[in-house]
Amino acid sequence: MAEHLPLQLPDDPKLSANITHFARALRRAGLPIGPGRVIDAIRAIEAAGFSNKRDFYWALHACFVNRPEHRRVFAQIFRLYWRDPRYLEHMMAAMLPAIRGVQEDRPAQAAEKRAAEALLDGAEAPDIDTPPPEEEDAVIEVDASFTMSSKERLKTLDFEQMNLEEMAQAKRMLAKLTLPVKPLPSRRTQAAAHGRIDAARSLRAALRKGGEMQTLSFKKPRLRYPNLVVLCDISGSMSQYSRVVLHFLHAVSNARGAGWAQVHAFTFGTRLTNITRHLATRDVDAALTAAGAEAQDWEGGTRIGDCLESFNRNWSRRVMGQGAVVLLITDGLDRGAVDNLTRQMQRLNLTARRLIWLNPLLRWDGFAAKAEGIRAMLPHVDSFRAGHSIASLEELAAVISRGDDQGEKVRLIASLEN
């Protein structure tokens, strides 16, 4: 529970109406709250009372929060609505970075922009792209022919900085993306009009004609598609990105004609969880709800080395056959032993045809491999790319079949050597 100012309620608080309005703000922020929960919350406050601020907070928390990812949104909206009037000014400053003066300059934390937008319901939040009104006598002509459209702006926007409407639009765009892959030649062959001579078929055809070989038969390698294996970090530092990426993976799993033989998805934080069967559900909301219920370590710690060891030991032989491509989605901030992480990354690289690491920290221009976990993992990946926006995922779709793509790996390896 975050630090806050003392709770002060008016003499005639109309508490039921206030709790109902508070529940509406939570629902606009994405929490699944219906009338039943509102009634339960009112009854809970009647039973627990509201003289103690901590009891009041946790009574509402017990009624309105049932998922780990909703805790932070609840805390921010609770503080906005019940606790600190000046906090609303801070959130408005985060939503309108051009307005300064009455509050300290600080970036918005996770879920704060969504909380402020849900509480205001868009009534007091002007569009940040709309300039302030000019005086009537001032005439300004602007050539907007080369300005970025809202769709192009959304493609380059960081998932962490999206509001509710932008996030919903981004998920709709991700649902249309695919990861096309080129087929691979296998050792098995099939009949063809041209290619290598098929001696066995040619001899069998000659035997049917008394041993006289009149024509030659040819064969060519049969094409097959590889598996896609995704290892997605769902720790606290990656929770916002992992939810969006899982929407993208659901679209890839259910896309027809994408080419992948099978798509296997795993989440990891403090333990490894196989969510492949959940992503096969056609409805994305039902699929992600089931995946979230299966993975009990959402927004927990990070033990990348131990989770990769579990994957290499229990799942590698089952899903890594036929030249699988592995997508590793994590920021590389590991709390485990570096030596074990190095060994497991090396083994993962040896069993995969290509190992591609998507790291949202690459959104920073001055990113450098300073963390021990990142330094241990980087030499054992084939490609190191950003994964913080729609544009970065579109770039991944364009280069996933290219064997020569290394992303930012070359630059970072050179910086380590220097």
Protein backbone atom coordinates (compact mmCIF):
# COMPACT_ATOMS: atom_id res chain seq x y z
CA MET A 1 0.00 0.00 0.00
CA ALA A 2 1.51 3.33 -1.04
CA GLU A 3 2.13 6.22 1.37
CA HIS A 4 -0.66 8.76 1.35
CA LEU A 5 -2.16 11.68 3.23
CA PRO A 6 -4.53 10.99 6.17
CA LEU A 7 -8.04 10.03 5.12
CA GLN A 8 -10.56 12.81 5.65
CA LEU A 9 -14.26 12.27 4.91
CA PRO A 10 -16.96 14.98 5.12
CA ASP A 11 -19.70 14.90 7.77
CA ASP A 12 -22.26 13.76 5.19
CA PRO A 13 -20.06 11.69 2.87
CA LYS A 14 -22.77 9.85 0.92
CA LEU A 15 -20.39 6.95 1.08
CA SER A 16 -22.43 4.59 -1.09
CA ALA A 17 -22.47 7.06 -3.98
CA ASN A 18 -18.76 7.71 -3.58
CA ILE A 19 -17.94 4.00 -3.65
CA THR A 20 -20.12 3.58 -6.74
CA HIS A 21 -18.31 6.43 -8.53
CA PHE A 22 -14.97 4.95 -7.46
CA ALA A 23 -16.01 1.57 -8.91
CA ARG A 24 -16.93 3.23 -12.22
CA ALA A 25 -13.44 4.74 -12.43
CA LEU A 26 -11.92 1.32 -11.82
CA ARG A 27 -14.09 -0.20 -14.55
CA ARG A 28 -13.00 2.49 -17.01
CA ALA A 29 -9.39 1.62 -16.14
CA GLY A 30 -9.96 -1.99 -17.19
CA LEU A 31 -10.96 -3.82 -13.99
CA PRO A 32 -13.90 -6.25 -14.47
CA ILE A 33 -16.29 -4.74 -11.91
CA GLY A 34 -20.04 -5.21 -12.02
CA PRO A 35 -22.96 -4.17 -9.80
CA GLY A 36 -22.50 -7.23 -7.59
CA ARG A 37 -19.01 -6.19 -6.56
CA VAL A 38 -20.17 -2.65 -5.84
CA ILE A 39 -22.85 -3.98 -3.51
CA ASP A 40 -20.31 -6.27 -1.82
CA ALA A 41 -17.96 -3.30 -1.33
CA ILE A 42 -20.66 -1.17 0.27
CA ARG A 43 -21.59 -4.01 2.62
CA ALA A 44 -17.94 -4.63 3.44
CA ILE A 45 -17.42 -0.99 4.43
CA GLU A 46 -20.59 -1.11 6.52
CA ALA A 47 -19.16 -4.10 8.38
CA ALA A 48 -15.55 -2.92 8.64
CA GLY A 49 -16.21 0.79 9.07
CA PHE A 50 -14.16 3.60 7.60
CA SER A 51 -12.52 5.12 10.63
CA ASN A 52 -9.24 3.30 9.95
CA LYS A 53 -7.61 4.24 6.63
CA ARG A 54 -5.80 0.94 6.21
CA ASP A 55 -8.91 -1.15 6.84
CA PHE A 56 -10.83 1.04 4.38
CA TYR A 57 -8.18 0.52 1.67
CA TRP A 58 -7.92 -3.24 2.03
CA ALA A 59 -11.67 -3.77 2.35
CA LEU A 60 -12.20 -2.14 -1.06
CA HIS A 61 -9.12 -3.92 -2.41
CA ALA A 62 -10.58 -7.31 -1.41
CA CYS A 63 -13.84 -6.54 -3.21
CA PHE A 64 -12.49 -5.02 -6.42
CA VAL A 65 -9.10 -6.71 -7.13
CA ASN A 66 -8.76 -10.36 -8.08
CA ARG A 67 -5.76 -10.29 -10.43
CA PRO A 68 -2.15 -9.30 -9.71
CA GLU A 69 -2.01 -6.92 -12.67
CA HIS A 70 -4.91 -4.88 -11.26
CA ARG A 71 -3.24 -4.01 -7.96
CA ARG A 72 -1.23 -1.09 -9.26
CA VAL A 73 -4.17 0.45 -11.11
CA PHE A 74 -6.33 0.13 -8.01
CA ALA A 75 -3.67 1.78 -5.83
CA GLN A 76 -3.28 4.73 -8.19
CA ILE A 77 -7.01 5.37 -8.62
CA PHE A 78 -7.59 4.97 -4.88
CA ARG A 79 -5.00 7.63 -4.16
CA LEU A 80 -6.44 9.92 -6.79
CA TYR A 81 -10.01 9.54 -5.58
CA TRP A 82 -9.76 9.22 -1.80
CA ARG A 83 -6.39 10.42 -0.61
CA ASP A 84 -4.29 13.16 -2.14
CA PRO A 85 -5.96 16.00 -4.09
CA ARG A 86 -2.58 17.27 -5.32
CA TYR A 87 -1.86 13.87 -6.82
CA LEU A 88 -4.40 14.63 -9.53
CA GLU A 89 -2.22 17.58 -10.55
CA HIS A 90 0.78 15.27 -10.85
CA MET A 91 -1.15 12.90 -13.08
CA MET A 92 -2.48 15.72 -15.24
CA ALA A 93 1.13 16.86 -15.65
CA ALA A 94 2.06 13.35 -16.79
CA MET A 95 -0.78 13.41 -19.34
CA LEU A 96 0.09 16.95 -20.48
CA PRO A 97 3.88 17.25 -20.49
CA ALA A 98 3.71 20.80 -21.90
CA ILE A 99 2.03 22.18 -18.75
CA ARG A 100 4.31 22.85 -15.80
CA GLY A 101 4.36 25.15 -12.80
CA VAL A 102 2.29 23.91 -9.86
CA GLN A 103 3.82 20.44 -9.58
CA GLU A 104 7.27 18.91 -9.58
CA ASP A 105 8.60 17.57 -12.86
CA ARG A 106 8.59 13.77 -12.79
CA PRO A 107 7.73 11.06 -15.32
CA ALA A 108 4.54 9.06 -15.02
CA GLN A 109 4.91 5.68 -13.38
CA ALA A 110 3.23 2.54 -14.64
CA ALA A 111 -0.59 2.65 -14.56
CA GLU A 112 -0.70 6.30 -13.42
CA LYS A 113 -1.76 7.67 -16.80
CA ARG A 114 -4.48 5.06 -17.09
CA ALA A 115 -5.67 5.85 -13.56
CA ALA A 116 -5.89 9.59 -14.16
CA GLU A 117 -7.64 9.09 -17.48
CA ALA A 118 -10.16 6.66 -15.99
CA LEU A 119 -10.97 8.97 -13.07
CA LEU A 120 -11.33 12.05 -15.24
CA ASP A 121 -13.26 10.07 -17.89
CA GLY A 122 -11.77 12.38 -20.52
CA ALA A 123 -13.70 15.40 -19.24
CA GLU A 124 -10.72 17.42 -18.09
CA ALA A 125 -7.94 15.88 -20.14
CA PRO A 126 -7.44 17.88 -23.32
CA ASP A 127 -5.68 16.34 -26.27
CA ILE A 128 -1.93 16.75 -25.94
CA ASP A 129 -1.67 17.08 -29.71
CA THR A 130 -4.06 20.07 -29.74
CA PRO A 131 -2.22 23.40 -29.40
CA PRO A 132 -3.58 26.14 -27.11
CA PRO A 133 -5.94 28.65 -28.76
CA GLU A 134 -4.27 31.63 -30.37
CA GLU A 135 -5.40 35.23 -30.26
CA GLU A 136 -7.91 36.21 -32.90
CA ASP A 137 -5.56 38.61 -34.61
CA ALA A 138 -2.78 36.05 -34.87
CA VAL A 139 -2.86 34.03 -38.06
CA ILE A 140 -0.51 31.06 -38.27
CA GLU A 141 -0.29 28.87 -41.32
CA VAL A 142 1.23 25.45 -40.83
CA ASP A 143 2.01 22.97 -43.58
CA ALA A 144 0.89 19.64 -42.15
CA SER A 145 1.47 17.61 -45.28
CA PHE A 146 4.42 15.79 -43.73
CA THR A 147 3.13 15.36 -40.19
CA MET A 148 2.78 11.89 -38.78
CA SER A 149 -0.69 10.40 -38.79
CA SER A 150 -2.22 9.09 -35.59
CA LYS A 151 -1.78 5.52 -36.79
CA GLU A 152 1.91 6.00 -37.53
CA ARG A 153 2.38 7.71 -34.17
CA LEU A 154 0.73 4.78 -32.43
CA LYS A 155 3.08 2.35 -34.15
CA THR A 156 6.14 4.04 -32.65
CA LEU A 157 4.62 4.71 -29.21
CA ASP A 158 6.00 2.75 -26.28
CA PHE A 159 3.53 0.21 -24.88
CA GLU A 160 4.29 1.49 -21.38
CA GLN A 161 3.13 5.01 -22.27
CA MET A 162 -0.15 4.09 -23.98
CA ASN A 163 -3.45 5.08 -22.44
CA LEU A 164 -6.57 2.91 -22.46
CA GLU A 165 -7.82 3.94 -25.88
CA GLU A 166 -4.36 3.70 -27.46
CA MET A 167 -3.79 0.28 -25.91
CA ALA A 168 -7.11 -1.02 -27.25
CA GLN A 169 -6.27 0.27 -30.72
CA ALA A 170 -2.78 -1.22 -30.52
CA LYS A 171 -4.20 -4.64 -29.65
CA ARG A 172 -6.49 -4.46 -32.67
CA MET A 173 -3.49 -3.67 -34.86
CA LEU A 174 -1.42 -6.48 -33.35
CA ALA A 175 -4.26 -8.93 -34.01
CA LYS A 176 -3.70 -8.37 -37.74
CA LEU A 177 0.09 -8.89 -37.67
CA THR A 178 1.68 -12.18 -38.67
CA LEU A 179 5.15 -13.70 -38.56
CA PRO A 180 5.59 -15.23 -42.01
CA VAL A 181 8.41 -17.74 -42.25
CA LYS A 182 10.04 -19.41 -45.22
CA PRO A 183 9.90 -23.22 -45.45
CA LEU A 184 13.05 -25.27 -44.94
CA PRO A 185 14.29 -28.13 -47.13
CA SER A 186 14.12 -31.44 -45.30
CA ARG A 187 15.95 -34.72 -45.82
CA ARG A 188 12.80 -36.34 -47.13
CA THR A 189 12.23 -36.06 -50.86
CA GLN A 190 9.28 -35.97 -53.21
CA ALA A 191 8.78 -36.62 -56.92
CA ALA A 192 9.60 -33.72 -59.20
CA ALA A 193 9.83 -32.92 -62.90
CA HIS A 194 13.42 -31.76 -62.51
CA GLY A 195 16.13 -32.17 -59.89
CA ARG A 196 18.28 -35.05 -58.73
CA ILE A 197 17.85 -38.46 -60.39
CA ASP A 198 15.71 -40.81 -58.33
CA ALA A 199 17.53 -44.09 -58.93
CA ALA A 200 15.03 -46.26 -57.04
CA ARG A 201 11.99 -45.03 -58.94
CA SER A 202 13.86 -45.15 -62.24
CA LEU A 203 14.84 -48.80 -61.69
CA ARG A 204 11.33 -49.80 -60.60
CA ALA A 205 9.91 -48.21 -63.75
CA ALA A 206 12.47 -50.10 -65.87
CA LEU A 207 11.59 -53.46 -64.26
CA ARG A 208 7.96 -52.99 -65.23
CA LYS A 209 9.10 -52.75 -68.87
CA GLY A 210 11.34 -55.80 -68.98
CA GLY A 211 14.44 -54.06 -67.66
CA GLU A 212 14.65 -51.43 -70.35
CA MET A 213 15.08 -47.94 -68.92
CA GLN A 214 13.26 -45.54 -71.14
CA THR A 215 12.85 -42.51 -68.84
CA LEU A 216 14.48 -41.16 -65.72
CA SER A 217 12.63 -40.13 -62.56
CA PHE A 218 13.67 -37.09 -60.54
CA LYS A 219 13.23 -35.98 -56.94
CA LYS A 220 13.68 -32.83 -54.85
CA PRO A 221 13.77 -32.10 -51.10
CA ARG A 222 10.40 -31.87 -49.44
CA LEU A 223 9.73 -28.52 -47.80
CA ARG A 224 8.69 -28.25 -44.15
CA TYR A 225 7.97 -25.39 -41.77
CA PRO A 226 9.80 -24.92 -38.45
CA ASN A 227 8.29 -24.56 -34.99
CA LEU A 228 8.10 -21.22 -33.21
CA VAL A 229 8.99 -21.32 -29.50
CA VAL A 230 8.33 -18.19 -27.42
CA LEU A 231 9.73 -17.63 -23.93
CA CYS A 232 8.06 -14.53 -22.45
CA ASP A 233 9.15 -12.82 -19.24
CA ILE A 234 6.18 -11.84 -17.02
CA SER A 235 8.10 -10.41 -14.06
CA GLY A 236 7.25 -7.03 -12.56
CA SER A 237 9.48 -5.04 -14.89
CA MET A 238 8.05 -6.77 -17.98
CA SER A 239 4.36 -7.17 -17.09
CA GLN A 240 3.02 -4.36 -19.28
CA TYR A 241 5.02 -5.50 -22.32
CA SER A 242 4.31 -9.19 -21.82
CA ARG A 243 0.53 -8.67 -21.86
CA VAL A 244 0.72 -6.90 -25.21
CA VAL A 245 3.14 -9.47 -26.63
CA LEU A 246 0.79 -12.28 -25.60
CA HIS A 247 -1.95 -10.60 -27.65
CA PHE A 248 0.45 -10.66 -30.58
CA LEU A 249 1.35 -14.32 -29.96
CA HIS A 250 -2.32 -15.25 -29.82
CA ALA A 251 -2.76 -13.75 -33.29
CA VAL A 252 0.29 -15.65 -34.56
CA SER A 253 -0.95 -18.93 -33.05
CA ASN A 254 -4.35 -18.63 -34.70
CA ALA A 255 -3.23 -17.15 -38.03
CA ARG A 256 -3.82 -19.29 -41.09
CA GLY A 257 -1.19 -19.47 -43.77
CA ALA A 258 1.58 -18.02 -41.56
CA GLY A 259 3.68 -21.11 -42.18
CA TRP A 260 4.70 -22.22 -38.69
CA ALA A 261 4.32 -25.93 -38.01
CA GLN A 262 3.43 -25.28 -34.36
CA VAL A 263 3.64 -22.34 -31.97
CA HIS A 264 4.73 -23.15 -28.41
CA ALA A 265 4.48 -20.40 -25.77
CA PHE A 266 5.99 -20.33 -22.29
CA THR A 267 5.96 -17.66 -19.60
CA PHE A 268 8.54 -17.32 -16.88
CA GLY A 269 9.26 -15.17 -13.86
CA THR A 270 10.15 -17.26 -10.86
CA ARG A 271 9.05 -20.46 -12.62
CA LEU A 272 8.33 -21.75 -16.12
CA THR A 273 4.71 -22.17 -17.30
CA ASN A 274 3.51 -23.72 -20.57
CA ILE A 275 0.54 -21.70 -21.93
CA THR A 276 0.48 -23.20 -25.45
CA ARG A 277 -2.94 -24.82 -25.13
CA HIS A 278 -4.48 -21.60 -23.81
CA LEU A 279 -3.32 -19.55 -26.79
CA ALA A 280 -5.04 -22.03 -29.10
CA THR A 281 -8.41 -20.67 -27.89
CA ARG A 282 -9.95 -18.52 -30.61
CA ASP A 283 -11.25 -15.83 -28.24
CA VAL A 284 -8.30 -13.68 -27.18
CA ASP A 285 -9.83 -12.56 -23.87
CA ALA A 286 -10.64 -16.12 -22.84
CA ALA A 287 -7.17 -17.26 -23.93
CA LEU A 288 -5.29 -14.63 -21.93
CA THR A 289 -7.53 -15.07 -18.91
CA ALA A 290 -6.76 -18.79 -18.87
CA ALA A 291 -3.04 -18.10 -19.42
CA GLY A 292 -3.03 -15.62 -16.53
CA ALA A 293 -4.70 -18.17 -14.26
CA GLU A 294 -2.15 -20.80 -15.27
CA ALA A 295 0.89 -18.56 -14.63
CA GLN A 296 0.93 -17.80 -10.91
CA ASP A 297 4.12 -15.68 -10.95
CA TRP A 298 2.81 -12.55 -12.73
CA GLU A 299 4.69 -9.40 -11.66
CA GLY A 300 6.95 -11.42 -9.40
CA GLY A 301 10.71 -11.77 -9.34
CA THR A 302 13.01 -12.79 -12.18
CA ARG A 303 15.06 -15.99 -12.30
CA ILE A 304 15.89 -16.33 -15.96
CA GLY A 305 18.67 -18.88 -15.52
CA ASP A 306 16.56 -21.28 -13.42
CA CYS A 307 13.58 -21.01 -15.81
CA LEU A 308 15.76 -21.64 -18.87
CA GLU A 309 17.26 -24.64 -17.08
CA SER A 310 13.75 -25.99 -16.54
CA PHE A 311 12.94 -25.46 -20.21
CA ASN A 312 16.14 -27.10 -21.45
CA ARG A 313 15.63 -30.08 -19.17
CA ASN A 314 11.88 -30.71 -19.53
CA TRP A 315 10.73 -29.18 -22.82
CA SER A 316 13.63 -28.72 -25.22
CA ARG A 317 13.48 -32.19 -26.80
CA ARG A 318 9.69 -31.97 -27.16
CA VAL A 319 9.35 -28.63 -28.94
CA MET A 320 12.76 -27.78 -30.41
CA GLY A 321 12.83 -30.35 -33.19
CA GLN A 322 12.93 -29.57 -36.91
CA GLY A 323 14.93 -26.35 -36.65
CA ALA A 324 12.77 -24.33 -34.26
CA VAL A 325 13.05 -20.54 -34.05
CA VAL A 326 13.11 -19.21 -30.47
CA LEU A 327 11.87 -15.77 -29.40
CA LEU A 328 13.18 -14.79 -25.99
CA ILE A 329 11.27 -11.78 -24.65
CA THR A 330 12.86 -10.32 -21.52
CA ASP A 331 14.78 -7.30 -20.27
CA GLY A 332 17.64 -9.54 -19.06
CA LEU A 333 17.56 -8.27 -15.46
CA ASP A 334 18.20 -11.57 -13.69
CA ARG A 335 18.56 -12.09 -9.95
CA GLY A 336 20.02 -15.58 -10.18
CA ALA A 337 23.54 -16.91 -10.66
CA VAL A 338 25.25 -15.53 -13.76
CA ASP A 339 27.22 -18.73 -14.39
CA ASN A 340 24.06 -20.81 -14.63
CA LEU A 341 22.43 -18.23 -16.92
CA THR A 342 25.43 -18.39 -19.26
CA ARG A 343 25.31 -22.21 -19.44
CA GLN A 344 21.59 -22.32 -20.10
CA MET A 345 21.75 -19.64 -22.80
CA GLN A 346 24.56 -21.51 -24.53
CA ARG A 347 22.56 -24.75 -24.49
CA LEU A 348 19.43 -22.98 -25.76
CA ASN A 349 21.39 -21.47 -28.63
CA LEU A 350 22.81 -24.86 -29.62
CA THR A 351 19.37 -26.48 -29.83
CA ALA A 352 17.65 -23.67 -31.74
CA ARG A 353 18.07 -22.87 -35.42
CA ARG A 354 17.80 -19.17 -34.56
CA LEU A 355 17.59 -17.49 -31.16
CA ILE A 356 16.13 -13.96 -31.28
CA TRP A 357 16.09 -11.80 -28.17
CA LEU A 358 13.48 -9.03 -27.90
CA ASN A 359 14.36 -6.50 -25.20
CA PRO A 360 12.15 -3.42 -24.50
CA LEU A 361 15.12 -1.63 -22.94
CA LEU A 362 16.45 -1.05 -26.46
CA ARG A 363 13.91 1.76 -26.78
CA TRP A 364 16.52 3.98 -25.09
CA ASP A 365 19.04 5.48 -27.52
CA GLY A 366 21.84 5.27 -24.96
CA PHE A 367 21.22 1.65 -24.00
CA ALA A 368 24.37 -0.20 -22.99
CA ALA A 369 24.86 -3.79 -21.79
CA LYS A 370 25.80 -2.95 -18.20
CA ALA A 371 23.71 -5.47 -16.26
CA GLU A 372 25.42 -8.80 -15.61
CA GLY A 373 22.46 -10.77 -16.92
CA ILE A 374 22.45 -8.91 -20.23
CA ARG A 375 26.23 -9.32 -20.60
CA ALA A 376 25.91 -13.05 -19.97
CA MET A 377 23.06 -13.57 -22.44
CA LEU A 378 24.11 -11.35 -25.33
CA PRO A 379 26.94 -13.50 -26.82
CA HIS A 380 24.63 -16.51 -27.15
CA VAL A 381 21.81 -14.96 -29.21
CA ASP A 382 21.70 -14.69 -32.99
CA SER A 383 19.79 -11.42 -33.09
CA PHE A 384 19.14 -8.72 -30.48
CA ARG A 385 16.19 -6.46 -31.25
CA ALA A 386 13.79 -4.05 -29.55
CA GLY A 387 10.29 -5.15 -28.60
CA HIS A 388 8.58 -2.11 -27.12
CA SER A 389 6.23 -0.95 -29.89
CA ILE A 390 4.14 -2.08 -32.84
CA ALA A 391 6.83 -0.88 -35.23
CA SER A 392 9.47 -3.07 -33.55
CA LEU A 393 7.22 -6.14 -33.91
CA GLU A 394 6.61 -5.29 -37.57
CA GLU A 395 10.39 -5.15 -38.11
CA LEU A 396 10.66 -8.56 -36.46
CA ALA A 397 8.13 -9.96 -38.93
CA ALA A 398 10.24 -8.62 -41.79
CA VAL A 399 13.56 -10.13 -40.68
CA ILE A 400 12.64 -13.32 -38.82
CA SER A 401 13.46 -15.49 -41.84
CA ARG A 402 16.76 -13.74 -42.55
CA GLY A 403 19.71 -15.68 -41.25
CA ASP A 404 22.07 -12.71 -41.43
CA ASP A 405 20.07 -10.33 -39.23
CA GLN A 406 21.78 -9.55 -35.91
CA GLY A 407 19.95 -6.38 -34.88
CA GLU A 408 21.89 -4.45 -32.24
CA LYS A 409 24.08 -7.36 -31.22
CA VAL A 410 27.14 -6.27 -33.20
CA ARG A 411 27.12 -2.76 -31.75
CA LEU A 412 26.70 -3.91 -28.17
CA ILE A 413 29.33 -6.64 -28.45
CA ALA A 414 31.77 -4.05 -29.78
CA SER A 415 31.00 -1.75 -26.86
CA LEU A 416 31.70 -4.60 -24.41
CA GLU A 417 35.07 -5.30 -26.03
CA ASN A 418 36.04 -1.65 -25.80
